[in-house]
C-alpha cells in the first residue's frame, strides 16, 4: 500500500464526494479543484468538468465519468416512508436493509426497509423485492419528512473508504472515480515532459443514465482521438476467470467494433514494450461506456477504452486494486508521449 499512498489519497477524496447522475455538483467541484493543478478547469452547460493544455498536431481527449449510481425520491407516503426508484443501475438485490443518505434540504440518514424473514411469504423468501415494494425510513412522519425531502432528491449508499490487504480498497463510487483518479495521475506523470500533444480532459456527467455528458463534451472539445477510462468486471467466486479480468492484473485494453483497432493495438504494444501489466477485454457490440457516445460526437472521434477491474460493481462495497489505477495512468502517459514523438 505504501507504493500507492498518493493514488489512494486521491481516490479517497474523489469517492468521498457525492454525485448521483444529474446531481454531480459536489463531485464536480472536487474534480475541478484537482484538475486545476494541471490546467485551467471549467464546467460546461450540463455540469461536466473540462480543461485543455498543451499544443501539438494531435489533440487527445482523456475522459472519465463523475457520476455514481444511486436512488431518487419519487414520493413520500402517508407514514413518512420515502418511495424511490433507481438513478443509474443500482442493484436491487443488495438494497434491503442498506444504509443511505438522503440529499434533501439537509443530508438525512436513512435505512431501506427489510421484511423480517419470520414474516416473509414462502414464495418471497429467496427473492429480492422490486422498487415498488421497498422504501427508505428516515424516522419521520409524513409531515416532518415533507419539510426536508422532495420528490427528485437524490439518495446515495453509505459506505466507508476502506483499505483492504495488499493494494486493494473498498468504497462506494469507485465506478468511476477510479477512472478520474487515473486521468489525474496520468497528468501528474506527464508534468515537465515535452510530449508534443494537445490534451483535453473531460470528467463527464450522466454516464450511468445514458452518456449525455460525454457526447456533448466531446462535441465541444473536438479531439482527434479519445481514451475513455472506466471500470469493468473483475473475477470473483461464481464469475468466470476466462471472460473477466483479475484484480491487480493490469488495465483492461478494450477491443470492440466501435473502438479504433489501431489505437487498441498501439496501447497493447506500448504496454508490452514498457512492461505495463495489461489484460484484454473483447466486446462484440457496444461497450456500455462513454466510448459509445464519444465515437459518434461531431464528425467522429477515434476512440479507445481502458478499464480498471472492479468487484461488486454498482454496490456500496466496490473493490479495486490501486496498482491497476497506477498502471492505467502509466499506459495513457506513455501513449501520449509516443503519439507526440510520432507527430513531432
C-alpha atoms as a PDB file:
ATOM      1  CA  UNK A   1       0.000   0.000   0.000  1.00  0.00           C
ATOM      2  CA  UNK A   2       2.957   2.370   0.665  1.00  0.00           C
ATOM      3  CA  UNK A   3       3.734   2.434  -3.076  1.00  0.00           C
ATOM      4  CA  UNK A   4       0.319   3.852  -3.862  1.00  0.00           C
ATOM      5  CA  UNK A   5      -0.241   6.254  -0.947  1.00  0.00           C
ATOM      6  CA  UNK A   6      -0.802   9.228  -3.257  1.00  0.00           C
ATOM      7  CA  UNK A   7      -3.170   7.327  -5.548  1.00  0.00           C
ATOM      8  CA  UNK A   8      -5.104   6.075  -2.507  1.00  0.00           C
ATOM      9  CA  UNK A   9      -5.443   9.585  -1.063  1.00  0.00           C
ATOM     10  CA  UNK A  10      -6.613  10.883  -4.440  1.00  0.00           C
ATOM     11  CA  UNK A  11      -9.198   8.125  -4.847  1.00  0.00           C
ATOM     12  CA  UNK A  12     -10.462   8.576  -1.279  1.00  0.00           C
ATOM     13  CA  UNK A  13     -11.005  12.288  -1.845  1.00  0.00           C
ATOM     14  CA  UNK A  14     -12.909  11.617  -5.059  1.00  0.00           C
ATOM     15  CA  UNK A  15     -15.022   8.791  -3.608  1.00  0.00           C
ATOM     16  CA  UNK A  16     -15.974  10.912  -0.598  1.00  0.00           C
ATOM     17  CA  UNK A  17     -17.696  13.471  -2.835  1.00  0.00           C
ATOM     18  CA  UNK A  18     -21.335  12.757  -3.651  1.00  0.00           C
ATOM     19  CA  UNK A  19     -22.636  12.925  -7.196  1.00  0.00           C
ATOM     20  CA  UNK A  20     -25.561  10.803  -8.338  1.00  0.00           C
ATOM     21  CA  UNK A  21     -26.369  11.196 -12.035  1.00  0.00           C
ATOM     22  CA  UNK A  22     -27.871  14.601 -12.769  1.00  0.00           C
ATOM     23  CA  UNK A  23     -26.710  15.994  -9.402  1.00  0.00           C
ATOM     24  CA  UNK A  24     -22.927  15.780  -9.678  1.00  0.00           C
ATOM     25  CA  UNK A  25     -22.132  19.259  -8.314  1.00  0.00           C
ATOM     26  CA  UNK A  26     -20.164  18.134  -5.244  1.00  0.00           C
ATOM     27  CA  UNK A  27     -18.105  15.577  -7.146  1.00  0.00           C
ATOM     28  CA  UNK A  28     -17.543  18.075  -9.969  1.00  0.00           C
ATOM     29  CA  UNK A  29     -16.211  20.688  -7.530  1.00  0.00           C
ATOM     30  CA  UNK A  30     -13.683  18.234  -6.078  1.00  0.00           C
ATOM     31  CA  UNK A  31     -12.597  17.035  -9.522  1.00  0.00           C
ATOM     32  CA  UNK A  32     -12.334  20.606 -10.828  1.00  0.00           C
ATOM     33  CA  UNK A  33     -10.116  21.657  -7.920  1.00  0.00           C
ATOM     34  CA  UNK A  34      -7.831  18.674  -8.533  1.00  0.00           C
ATOM     35  CA  UNK A  35      -7.687  19.318 -12.295  1.00  0.00           C
ATOM     36  CA  UNK A  36      -6.709  22.976 -11.749  1.00  0.00           C
ATOM     37  CA  UNK A  37      -3.249  21.799 -10.714  1.00  0.00           C
ATOM     38  CA  UNK A  38      -2.589  20.807 -14.324  1.00  0.00           C
ATOM     39  CA  UNK A  39      -4.751  23.080 -16.483  1.00  0.00           C
ATOM     40  CA  UNK A  40      -7.496  25.711 -16.257  1.00  0.00           C
ATOM     41  CA  UNK A  41     -10.746  23.900 -15.460  1.00  0.00           C
ATOM     42  CA  UNK A  42     -14.302  24.926 -16.260  1.00  0.00           C
ATOM     43  CA  UNK A  43     -17.768  23.448 -16.005  1.00  0.00           C
ATOM     44  CA  UNK A  44     -19.890  23.101 -19.129  1.00  0.00           C
ATOM     45  CA  UNK A  45     -23.636  23.518 -19.588  1.00  0.00           C
ATOM     46  CA  UNK A  46     -24.512  20.011 -18.376  1.00  0.00           C
ATOM     47  CA  UNK A  47     -22.095  20.116 -15.439  1.00  0.00           C
ATOM     48  CA  UNK A  48     -19.123  18.177 -16.827  1.00  0.00           C
ATOM     49  CA  UNK A  49     -15.652  19.393 -15.861  1.00  0.00           C
ATOM     50  CA  UNK A  50     -13.346  20.158 -18.792  1.00  0.00           C
ATOM     51  CA  UNK A  51      -9.868  21.531 -19.394  1.00  0.00           C
ATOM     52  CA  UNK A  52      -7.248  21.774 -22.132  1.00  0.00           C
ATOM     53  CA  UNK A  53      -3.479  22.187 -22.055  1.00  0.00           C
ATOM     54  CA  UNK A  54      -0.502  21.931 -24.398  1.00  0.00           C
ATOM     55  CA  UNK A  55      -0.026  22.358 -28.111  1.00  0.00           C
ATOM     56  CA  UNK A  56       0.618  19.939 -30.935  1.00  0.00           C
ATOM     57  CA  UNK A  57      -0.654  18.460 -34.166  1.00  0.00           C
ATOM     58  CA  UNK A  58      -2.532  15.707 -32.320  1.00  0.00           C
ATOM     59  CA  UNK A  59      -5.385  16.530 -29.923  1.00  0.00           C
ATOM     60  CA  UNK A  60      -6.133  13.741 -27.417  1.00  0.00           C
ATOM     61  CA  UNK A  61      -9.122  13.659 -25.082  1.00  0.00           C
ATOM     62  CA  UNK A  62      -8.993  11.789 -21.766  1.00  0.00           C
ATOM     63  CA  UNK A  63     -12.439  11.008 -20.377  1.00  0.00           C
ATOM     64  CA  UNK A  64     -13.778   9.500 -17.147  1.00  0.00           C
ATOM     65  CA  UNK A  65     -17.252   9.909 -15.716  1.00  0.00           C
ATOM     66  CA  UNK A  66     -18.040  11.700 -12.469  1.00  0.00           C
ATOM     67  CA  UNK A  67     -21.490  10.372 -11.660  1.00  0.00           C
ATOM     68  CA  UNK A  68     -22.292   7.475  -9.370  1.00  0.00           C
ATOM     69  CA  UNK A  69     -25.333   5.236  -9.181  1.00  0.00           C
ATOM     70  CA  UNK A  70     -27.965   5.950  -6.533  1.00  0.00           C
ATOM     71  CA  UNK A  71     -31.671   6.355  -5.955  1.00  0.00           C
ATOM     72  CA  UNK A  72     -34.140   9.191  -6.452  1.00  0.00           C
ATOM     73  CA  UNK A  73     -37.172  10.007  -4.301  1.00  0.00           C
ATOM     74  CA  UNK A  74     -40.480   9.577  -6.126  1.00  0.00           C
ATOM     75  CA  UNK A  75     -42.970  10.197  -3.288  1.00  0.00           C
ATOM     76  CA  UNK A  76     -43.498  10.347   0.476  1.00  0.00           C
ATOM     77  CA  UNK A  77     -46.216   8.001   1.705  1.00  0.00           C
ATOM     78  CA  UNK A  78     -48.742   8.658   4.473  1.00  0.00           C
ATOM     79  CA  UNK A  79     -46.439   7.142   7.102  1.00  0.00           C
ATOM     80  CA  UNK A  80     -43.352   9.173   6.169  1.00  0.00           C
ATOM     81  CA  UNK A  81     -41.575   6.440   4.206  1.00  0.00           C
ATOM     82  CA  UNK A  82     -39.806   7.614   1.051  1.00  0.00           C
ATOM     83  CA  UNK A  83     -40.701   5.773  -2.143  1.00  0.00           C
ATOM     84  CA  UNK A  84     -37.790   5.554  -4.564  1.00  0.00           C
ATOM     85  CA  UNK A  85     -36.588   4.370  -7.934  1.00  0.00           C
ATOM     86  CA  UNK A  86     -33.094   3.785  -9.216  1.00  0.00           C
ATOM     87  CA  UNK A  87     -30.948   6.525 -10.743  1.00  0.00           C
ATOM     88  CA  UNK A  88     -28.444   4.562 -12.789  1.00  0.00           C
ATOM     89  CA  UNK A  89     -28.036   0.828 -12.437  1.00  0.00           C
ATOM     90  CA  UNK A  90     -28.474   0.319  -8.692  1.00  0.00           C
ATOM     91  CA  UNK A  91     -28.503  -3.393  -7.834  1.00  0.00           C
ATOM     92  CA  UNK A  92     -31.924  -4.179  -6.341  1.00  0.00           C
ATOM     93  CA  UNK A  93     -30.571  -7.436  -4.856  1.00  0.00           C
ATOM     94  CA  UNK A  94     -28.441  -5.655  -2.225  1.00  0.00           C
ATOM     95  CA  UNK A  95     -30.782  -2.835  -1.233  1.00  0.00           C
ATOM     96  CA  UNK A  96     -32.740  -4.436   1.607  1.00  0.00           C
ATOM     97  CA  UNK A  97     -31.506  -3.048   4.973  1.00  0.00           C
ATOM     98  CA  UNK A  98     -28.910  -0.824   3.259  1.00  0.00           C
ATOM     99  CA  UNK A  99     -27.843   2.419   4.916  1.00  0.00           C
ATOM    100  CA  UNK A 100     -28.299   5.539   2.795  1.00  0.00           C
ATOM    101  CA  UNK A 101     -28.091   9.322   2.853  1.00  0.00           C
ATOM    102  CA  UNK A 102     -30.997  11.345   1.505  1.00  0.00           C
ATOM    103  CA  UNK A 103     -29.811  14.614  -0.011  1.00  0.00           C
ATOM    104  CA  UNK A 104     -32.757  16.865   0.752  1.00  0.00           C
ATOM    105  CA  UNK A 105     -32.665  20.337   2.282  1.00  0.00           C
ATOM    106  CA  UNK A 106     -30.010  18.804   4.509  1.00  0.00           C
ATOM    107  CA  UNK A 107     -28.384  15.344   4.449  1.00  0.00           C
ATOM    108  CA  UNK A 108     -30.556  12.810   6.272  1.00  0.00           C
ATOM    109  CA  UNK A 109     -29.568   9.319   7.392  1.00  0.00           C
ATOM    110  CA  UNK A 110     -31.930   6.597   6.258  1.00  0.00           C
ATOM    111  CA  UNK A 111     -32.297   2.831   6.015  1.00  0.00           C
ATOM    112  CA  UNK A 112     -34.030   0.826   3.325  1.00  0.00           C
ATOM    113  CA  UNK A 113     -36.864  -1.262   4.699  1.00  0.00           C
ATOM    114  CA  UNK A 114     -36.486  -5.019   5.013  1.00  0.00           C
ATOM    115  CA  UNK A 115     -39.207  -7.547   5.814  1.00  0.00           C
ATOM    116  CA  UNK A 116     -38.093  -9.886   8.646  1.00  0.00           C
ATOM    117  CA  UNK A 117     -37.636 -13.482   7.473  1.00  0.00           C
ATOM    118  CA  UNK A 118     -40.273 -14.561  10.006  1.00  0.00           C
ATOM    119  CA  UNK A 119     -42.886 -12.517   8.121  1.00  0.00           C
ATOM    120  CA  UNK A 120     -41.832 -13.319   4.560  1.00  0.00           C
ATOM    121  CA  UNK A 121     -44.157 -15.391   2.454  1.00  0.00           C
ATOM    122  CA  UNK A 122     -42.645 -18.746   1.445  1.00  0.00           C
ATOM    123  CA  UNK A 123     -42.634 -17.757  -2.224  1.00  0.00           C
ATOM    124  CA  UNK A 124     -40.812 -14.496  -1.470  1.00  0.00           C
ATOM    125  CA  UNK A 125     -38.187 -15.720   0.990  1.00  0.00           C
ATOM    126  CA  UNK A 126     -35.424 -16.048  -1.616  1.00  0.00           C
ATOM    127  CA  UNK A 127     -36.400 -13.131  -3.858  1.00  0.00           C
ATOM    128  CA  UNK A 128     -35.268  -9.505  -3.961  1.00  0.00           C
ATOM    129  CA  UNK A 129     -38.143  -7.063  -3.713  1.00  0.00           C
ATOM    130  CA  UNK A 130     -38.871  -4.678  -6.553  1.00  0.00           C
ATOM    131  CA  UNK A 131     -38.709  -0.915  -6.246  1.00  0.00           C
ATOM    132  CA  UNK A 132     -42.473  -0.743  -5.737  1.00  0.00           C
ATOM    133  CA  UNK A 133     -42.065  -2.815  -2.568  1.00  0.00           C
ATOM    134  CA  UNK A 134     -39.189  -1.036  -0.829  1.00  0.00           C
ATOM    135  CA  UNK A 135     -38.973   2.332   0.887  1.00  0.00           C
ATOM    136  CA  UNK A 136     -36.492   4.466   2.816  1.00  0.00           C
ATOM    137  CA  UNK A 137     -37.119   5.024   6.517  1.00  0.00           C
ATOM    138  CA  UNK A 138     -35.752   8.350   7.800  1.00  0.00           C
ATOM    139  CA  UNK A 139     -37.586   8.140  11.119  1.00  0.00           C
ATOM    140  CA  UNK A 140     -40.016  10.956  10.396  1.00  0.00           C
ATOM    141  CA  UNK A 141     -43.743  11.325   9.995  1.00  0.00           C
ATOM    142  CA  UNK A 142     -45.043  12.347   6.582  1.00  0.00           C
ATOM    143  CA  UNK A 143     -45.499  15.931   7.798  1.00  0.00           C
ATOM    144  CA  UNK A 144     -41.952  16.109   9.130  1.00  0.00           C
ATOM    145  CA  UNK A 145     -40.422  14.424   6.095  1.00  0.00           C
ATOM    146  CA  UNK A 146     -42.022  16.896   3.673  1.00  0.00           C
ATOM    147  CA  UNK A 147     -40.203  19.751   5.425  1.00  0.00           C
ATOM    148  CA  UNK A 148     -36.834  18.309   4.375  1.00  0.00           C
ATOM    149  CA  UNK A 149     -37.391  15.978   1.424  1.00  0.00           C
ATOM    150  CA  UNK A 150     -38.931  16.487  -2.023  1.00  0.00           C
ATOM    151  CA  UNK A 151     -39.585  14.253  -4.988  1.00  0.00           C
ATOM    152  CA  UNK A 152     -36.461  14.280  -7.158  1.00  0.00           C
ATOM    153  CA  UNK A 153     -33.985  14.398  -4.273  1.00  0.00           C
ATOM    154  CA  UNK A 154     -31.074  12.001  -4.758  1.00  0.00           C
ATOM    155  CA  UNK A 155     -30.030   9.236  -2.379  1.00  0.00           C
ATOM    156  CA  UNK A 156     -26.535   7.775  -2.028  1.00  0.00           C
ATOM    157  CA  UNK A 157     -25.441   4.493  -0.465  1.00  0.00           C
ATOM    158  CA  UNK A 158     -23.427   4.823   2.726  1.00  0.00           C
ATOM    159  CA  UNK A 159     -20.055   3.157   2.960  1.00  0.00           C
ATOM    160  CA  UNK A 160     -16.529   3.934   4.100  1.00  0.00           C
ATOM    161  CA  UNK A 161     -13.388   4.150   2.007  1.00  0.00           C
ATOM    162  CA  UNK A 162     -11.633   1.103   3.455  1.00  0.00           C
ATOM    163  CA  UNK A 163      -8.096  -0.143   2.881  1.00  0.00           C
ATOM    164  CA  UNK A 164      -8.008  -3.896   2.461  1.00  0.00           C
ATOM    165  CA  UNK A 165      -4.917  -6.094   2.444  1.00  0.00           C
ATOM    166  CA  UNK A 166      -2.302  -5.503  -0.222  1.00  0.00           C
ATOM    167  CA  UNK A 167      -3.151  -2.708  -2.641  1.00  0.00           C
ATOM    168  CA  UNK A 168      -6.911  -3.154  -2.564  1.00  0.00           C
ATOM    169  CA  UNK A 169      -9.554  -0.742  -1.349  1.00  0.00           C
ATOM    170  CA  UNK A 170     -13.330  -0.806  -0.994  1.00  0.00           C
ATOM    171  CA  UNK A 171     -15.710   2.123  -1.309  1.00  0.00           C
ATOM    172  CA  UNK A 172     -18.919   3.315  -2.921  1.00  0.00           C
ATOM    173  CA  UNK A 173     -18.481   5.150  -6.273  1.00  0.00           C
ATOM    174  CA  UNK A 174     -15.157   3.631  -7.311  1.00  0.00           C
ATOM    175  CA  UNK A 175     -17.176   3.412 -10.559  1.00  0.00           C
ATOM    176  CA  UNK A 176     -15.888   5.702 -11.954  1.00  0.00           C
ATOM    177  CA  UNK A 177     -13.871   7.821  -9.556  1.00  0.00           C
ATOM    178  CA  UNK A 178     -11.080   5.306 -10.183  1.00  0.00           C
ATOM    179  CA  UNK A 179     -11.089   6.485 -13.797  1.00  0.00           C
ATOM    180  CA  UNK A 180     -10.973  10.134 -12.712  1.00  0.00           C
ATOM    181  CA  UNK A 181      -8.038   9.294 -10.426  1.00  0.00           C
ATOM    182  CA  UNK A 182      -6.228   7.528 -13.288  1.00  0.00           C
ATOM    183  CA  UNK A 183      -6.585  10.567 -15.564  1.00  0.00           C
ATOM    184  CA  UNK A 184      -5.303  12.915 -12.846  1.00  0.00           C
ATOM    185  CA  UNK A 185      -2.382  10.596 -12.124  1.00  0.00           C
ATOM    186  CA  UNK A 186      -1.602  10.482 -15.872  1.00  0.00           C
ATOM    187  CA  UNK A 187      -1.393  14.282 -15.928  1.00  0.00           C
ATOM    188  CA  UNK A 188       0.987  14.156 -12.965  1.00  0.00           C
ATOM    189  CA  UNK A 189       3.232  11.676 -14.805  1.00  0.00           C
ATOM    190  CA  UNK A 190       3.291  13.984 -17.839  1.00  0.00           C
ATOM    191  CA  UNK A 191       4.323  17.071 -15.850  1.00  0.00           C
ATOM    192  CA  UNK A 192       7.583  18.528 -17.146  1.00  0.00           C
ATOM    193  CA  UNK A 193       7.631  16.268 -20.195  1.00  0.00           C
ATOM    194  CA  UNK A 194       7.596  17.783 -23.679  1.00  0.00           C
ATOM    195  CA  UNK A 195       5.103  15.314 -25.112  1.00  0.00           C
ATOM    196  CA  UNK A 196       4.069  17.457 -28.079  1.00  0.00           C
ATOM    197  CA  UNK A 197       0.322  16.823 -27.772  1.00  0.00           C
ATOM    198  CA  UNK A 198      -2.680  18.981 -27.082  1.00  0.00           C
ATOM    199  CA  UNK A 199      -4.512  17.297 -24.209  1.00  0.00           C
ATOM    200  CA  UNK A 200      -8.103  17.822 -23.148  1.00  0.00           C
ATOM    201  CA  UNK A 201      -9.758  16.308 -20.108  1.00  0.00           C
ATOM    202  CA  UNK A 202     -13.468  15.575 -19.731  1.00  0.00           C
ATOM    203  CA  UNK A 203     -14.837  14.490 -16.373  1.00  0.00           C
ATOM    204  CA  UNK A 204     -18.290  13.800 -17.685  1.00  0.00           C
ATOM    205  CA  UNK A 205     -21.714  13.709 -16.056  1.00  0.00           C
ATOM    206  CA  UNK A 206     -24.629  11.319 -16.580  1.00  0.00           C
ATOM    207  CA  UNK A 207     -22.744   8.284 -17.888  1.00  0.00           C
ATOM    208  CA  UNK A 208     -24.856   5.995 -15.736  1.00  0.00           C
ATOM    209  CA  UNK A 209     -28.032   7.352 -17.340  1.00  0.00           C
ATOM    210  CA  UNK A 210     -27.026   7.386 -20.995  1.00  0.00           C
ATOM    211  CA  UNK A 211     -23.778   9.265 -21.592  1.00  0.00           C
ATOM    212  CA  UNK A 212     -25.055  12.730 -22.475  1.00  0.00           C
ATOM    213  CA  UNK A 213     -22.148  14.439 -20.710  1.00  0.00           C
ATOM    214  CA  UNK A 214     -19.597  12.581 -22.819  1.00  0.00           C
ATOM    215  CA  UNK A 215     -21.463  13.186 -26.070  1.00  0.00           C
ATOM    216  CA  UNK A 216     -21.861  16.935 -25.602  1.00  0.00           C
ATOM    217  CA  UNK A 217     -18.403  17.315 -24.062  1.00  0.00           C
ATOM    218  CA  UNK A 218     -16.637  15.529 -26.909  1.00  0.00           C
ATOM    219  CA  UNK A 219     -18.677  17.506 -29.452  1.00  0.00           C
ATOM    220  CA  UNK A 220     -17.464  20.774 -27.889  1.00  0.00           C
ATOM    221  CA  UNK A 221     -13.829  19.701 -27.467  1.00  0.00           C
ATOM    222  CA  UNK A 222     -13.452  18.247 -30.990  1.00  0.00           C
ATOM    223  CA  UNK A 223     -10.470  15.938 -30.333  1.00  0.00           C
ATOM    224  CA  UNK A 224      -8.673  13.826 -32.914  1.00  0.00           C
ATOM    225  CA  UNK A 225      -8.538  10.846 -30.577  1.00  0.00           C
ATOM    226  CA  UNK A 226     -10.016   9.921 -27.227  1.00  0.00           C
ATOM    227  CA  UNK A 227      -9.228   7.469 -24.459  1.00  0.00           C
ATOM    228  CA  UNK A 228     -12.102   6.792 -22.091  1.00  0.00           C
ATOM    229  CA  UNK A 229     -11.294   5.274 -18.702  1.00  0.00           C
ATOM    230  CA  UNK A 230     -13.980   3.300 -16.908  1.00  0.00           C
ATOM    231  CA  UNK A 231     -14.261   0.167 -14.789  1.00  0.00           C
ATOM    232  CA  UNK A 232     -15.133  -3.350 -15.871  1.00  0.00           C
ATOM    233  CA  UNK A 233     -15.826  -6.686 -14.269  1.00  0.00           C
ATOM    234  CA  UNK A 234     -13.217  -8.459 -12.149  1.00  0.00           C
ATOM    235  CA  UNK A 235     -13.302 -12.133 -11.324  1.00  0.00           C
ATOM    236  CA  UNK A 236     -14.879 -13.291  -8.073  1.00  0.00           C
ATOM    237  CA  UNK A 237     -16.496 -16.506  -6.819  1.00  0.00           C
ATOM    238  CA  UNK A 238     -19.069 -17.538  -9.401  1.00  0.00           C
ATOM    239  CA  UNK A 239     -17.668 -15.168 -12.066  1.00  0.00           C
ATOM    240  CA  UNK A 240     -15.682 -16.604 -14.979  1.00  0.00           C
ATOM    241  CA  UNK A 241     -11.918 -16.088 -14.806  1.00  0.00           C
ATOM    242  CA  UNK A 242     -11.745 -16.639 -18.563  1.00  0.00           C
ATOM    243  CA  UNK A 243     -14.233 -13.962 -19.544  1.00  0.00           C
ATOM    244  CA  UNK A 244     -13.411 -11.320 -16.950  1.00  0.00           C
ATOM    245  CA  UNK A 245     -10.244  -9.737 -15.549  1.00  0.00           C
ATOM    246  CA  UNK A 246      -8.092 -10.235 -12.467  1.00  0.00           C
ATOM    247  CA  UNK A 247      -7.705  -7.569  -9.795  1.00  0.00           C
ATOM    248  CA  UNK A 248      -4.099  -6.417  -9.878  1.00  0.00           C
ATOM    249  CA  UNK A 249      -3.605  -7.909 -13.339  1.00  0.00           C
ATOM    250  CA  UNK A 250      -3.366  -4.523 -15.031  1.00  0.00           C
ATOM    251  CA  UNK A 251      -5.546  -2.230 -17.070  1.00  0.00           C
ATOM    252  CA  UNK A 252      -8.025  -3.841 -19.474  1.00  0.00           C
ATOM    253  CA  UNK A 253      -7.455  -2.740 -23.082  1.00  0.00           C
ATOM    254  CA  UNK A 254     -10.732  -2.795 -24.968  1.00  0.00           C
ATOM    255  CA  UNK A 255     -11.399  -4.264 -28.399  1.00  0.00           C
ATOM    256  CA  UNK A 256     -14.834  -3.688 -29.925  1.00  0.00           C
ATOM    257  CA  UNK A 257     -16.354  -2.758 -33.304  1.00  0.00           C
ATOM    258  CA  UNK A 258     -16.731   0.913 -32.389  1.00  0.00           C
ATOM    259  CA  UNK A 259     -13.276   1.190 -30.814  1.00  0.00           C
ATOM    260  CA  UNK A 260     -10.406   2.181 -33.093  1.00  0.00           C
ATOM    261  CA  UNK A 261      -8.479  -1.024 -33.727  1.00  0.00           C
ATOM    262  CA  UNK A 262      -5.172   0.737 -34.391  1.00  0.00           C
ATOM    263  CA  UNK A 263      -5.410   2.624 -31.091  1.00  0.00           C
ATOM    264  CA  UNK A 264      -6.181  -0.579 -29.192  1.00  0.00           C
ATOM    265  CA  UNK A 265      -3.254  -2.350 -30.840  1.00  0.00           C
ATOM    266  CA  UNK A 266      -0.912   0.567 -30.161  1.00  0.00           C
ATOM    267  CA  UNK A 267      -1.917   0.636 -26.481  1.00  0.00           C
ATOM    268  CA  UNK A 268      -1.221  -3.096 -26.255  1.00  0.00           C
ATOM    269  CA  UNK A 269       2.161  -2.710 -27.973  1.00  0.00           C
ATOM    270  CA  UNK A 270       3.197   0.154 -25.688  1.00  0.00           C
ATOM    271  CA  UNK A 271       2.127  -1.763 -22.592  1.00  0.00           C
ATOM    272  CA  UNK A 272       4.124  -4.820 -23.617  1.00  0.00           C
ATOM    273  CA  UNK A 273       7.169  -2.759 -24.623  1.00  0.00           C
ATOM    274  CA  UNK A 274       7.224  -0.796 -21.365  1.00  0.00           C
ATOM    275  CA  UNK A 275       6.401  -3.685 -19.053  1.00  0.00           C
ATOM    276  CA  UNK A 276       2.981  -2.345 -18.005  1.00  0.00           C
ATOM    277  CA  UNK A 277       0.676  -5.137 -16.820  1.00  0.00           C
ATOM    278  CA  UNK A 278      -2.401  -5.328 -19.029  1.00  0.00           C
ATOM    279  CA  UNK A 279      -5.359  -7.522 -19.880  1.00  0.00           C
ATOM    280  CA  UNK A 280      -7.613  -7.715 -22.916  1.00  0.00           C
ATOM    281  CA  UNK A 281     -11.353  -7.053 -22.916  1.00  0.00           C
ATOM    282  CA  UNK A 282     -13.235  -8.060 -26.072  1.00  0.00           C
ATOM    283  CA  UNK A 283     -16.780  -6.846 -26.769  1.00  0.00           C
ATOM    284  CA  UNK A 284     -18.811  -7.863 -29.802  1.00  0.00           C
ATOM    285  CA  UNK A 285     -21.099  -4.840 -29.826  1.00  0.00           C
ATOM    286  CA  UNK A 286     -21.188  -1.546 -27.929  1.00  0.00           C
ATOM    287  CA  UNK A 287     -19.005  -1.067 -24.860  1.00  0.00           C
ATOM    288  CA  UNK A 288     -21.612   0.274 -22.429  1.00  0.00           C
ATOM    289  CA  UNK A 289     -19.228   3.148 -21.644  1.00  0.00           C
ATOM    290  CA  UNK A 290     -18.734   6.745 -22.757  1.00  0.00           C
ATOM    291  CA  UNK A 291     -16.868   5.426 -25.803  1.00  0.00           C
ATOM    292  CA  UNK A 292     -20.240   4.723 -27.407  1.00  0.00           C
ATOM    293  CA  UNK A 293     -21.105   8.439 -27.306  1.00  0.00           C
ATOM    294  CA  UNK A 294     -17.645   9.940 -27.882  1.00  0.00           C
ATOM    295  CA  UNK A 295     -17.040   7.912 -31.045  1.00  0.00           C
ATOM    296  CA  UNK A 296     -20.015   9.484 -32.846  1.00  0.00           C
ATOM    297  CA  UNK A 297     -19.621  13.036 -31.498  1.00  0.00           C
ATOM    298  CA  UNK A 298     -19.278  15.712 -34.160  1.00  0.00           C
ATOM    299  CA  UNK A 299     -17.558  14.383 -37.263  1.00  0.00           C
ATOM    300  CA  UNK A 300     -16.488  11.253 -35.339  1.00  0.00           C
ATOM    301  CA  UNK A 301     -13.610  10.550 -32.952  1.00  0.00           C
ATOM    302  CA  UNK A 302     -11.122   7.678 -32.953  1.00  0.00           C
ATOM    303  CA  UNK A 303     -11.705   6.173 -29.526  1.00  0.00           C
ATOM    304  CA  UNK A 304     -10.027   3.666 -27.219  1.00  0.00           C
ATOM    305  CA  UNK A 305     -11.142   2.191 -23.907  1.00  0.00           C
ATOM    306  CA  UNK A 306      -9.091   1.385 -20.820  1.00  0.00           C
ATOM    307  CA  UNK A 307     -10.963  -0.288 -17.970  1.00  0.00           C
ATOM    308  CA  UNK A 308      -9.962  -0.777 -14.342  1.00  0.00           C
ATOM    309  CA  UNK A 309     -11.044  -4.180 -12.949  1.00  0.00           C
ATOM    310  CA  UNK A 310     -13.744  -3.844 -10.280  1.00  0.00           C
ATOM    311  CA  UNK A 311     -15.570  -6.251  -7.993  1.00  0.00           C
ATOM    312  CA  UNK A 312     -19.103  -5.757  -6.649  1.00  0.00           C
ATOM    313  CA  UNK A 313     -19.963  -3.132  -9.275  1.00  0.00           C
ATOM    314  CA  UNK A 314     -22.907  -0.827  -8.526  1.00  0.00           C
ATOM    315  CA  UNK A 315     -22.890  -1.524  -4.800  1.00  0.00           C
ATOM    316  CA  UNK A 316     -21.603   0.325  -1.726  1.00  0.00           C
ATOM    317  CA  UNK A 317     -18.659  -2.088  -1.408  1.00  0.00           C
ATOM    318  CA  UNK A 318     -16.942  -1.879  -4.780  1.00  0.00           C
ATOM    319  CA  UNK A 319     -13.377  -3.220  -4.672  1.00  0.00           C
ATOM    320  CA  UNK A 320     -10.417  -2.282  -6.863  1.00  0.00           C
ATOM    321  CA  UNK A 321      -6.632  -2.598  -6.796  1.00  0.00           C
ATOM    322  CA  UNK A 322      -4.683   0.666  -6.654  1.00  0.00           C
ATOM    323  CA  UNK A 323      -1.955  -0.835  -8.833  1.00  0.00           C
ATOM    324  CA  UNK A 324      -4.464  -1.143 -11.694  1.00  0.00           C
ATOM    325  CA  UNK A 325      -5.190   2.594 -11.425  1.00  0.00           C
ATOM    326  CA  UNK A 326      -1.456   3.376 -11.481  1.00  0.00           C
ATOM    327  CA  UNK A 327      -0.850   1.139 -14.495  1.00  0.00           C
ATOM    328  CA  UNK A 328      -3.788   2.670 -16.357  1.00  0.00           C
ATOM    329  CA  UNK A 329      -2.265   6.108 -15.777  1.00  0.00           C
ATOM    330  CA  UNK A 330       1.177   4.932 -16.876  1.00  0.00           C
ATOM    331  CA  UNK A 331      -0.181   3.467 -20.096  1.00  0.00           C
ATOM    332  CA  UNK A 332      -2.054   6.654 -21.007  1.00  0.00           C
ATOM    333  CA  UNK A 333       1.016   8.780 -20.297  1.00  0.00           C
ATOM    334  CA  UNK A 334       3.286   6.540 -22.381  1.00  0.00           C
ATOM    335  CA  UNK A 335       0.756   6.531 -25.227  1.00  0.00           C
ATOM    336  CA  UNK A 336       0.571  10.332 -25.248  1.00  0.00           C
ATOM    337  CA  UNK A 337       4.370  10.649 -25.232  1.00  0.00           C
ATOM    338  CA  UNK A 338       4.743   8.211 -28.129  1.00  0.00           C
ATOM    339  CA  UNK A 339       1.960   9.867 -30.166  1.00  0.00           C
ATOM    340  CA  UNK A 340       3.628  13.235 -29.673  1.00  0.00           C
ATOM    341  CA  UNK A 341       7.007  11.917 -30.788  1.00  0.00           C
ATOM    342  CA  UNK A 342       5.438  10.354 -33.886  1.00  0.00           C
ATOM    343  CA  UNK A 343       3.872  13.671 -34.879  1.00  0.00           C
ATOM    344  CA  UNK A 344       6.876  15.845 -33.956  1.00  0.00           C
END
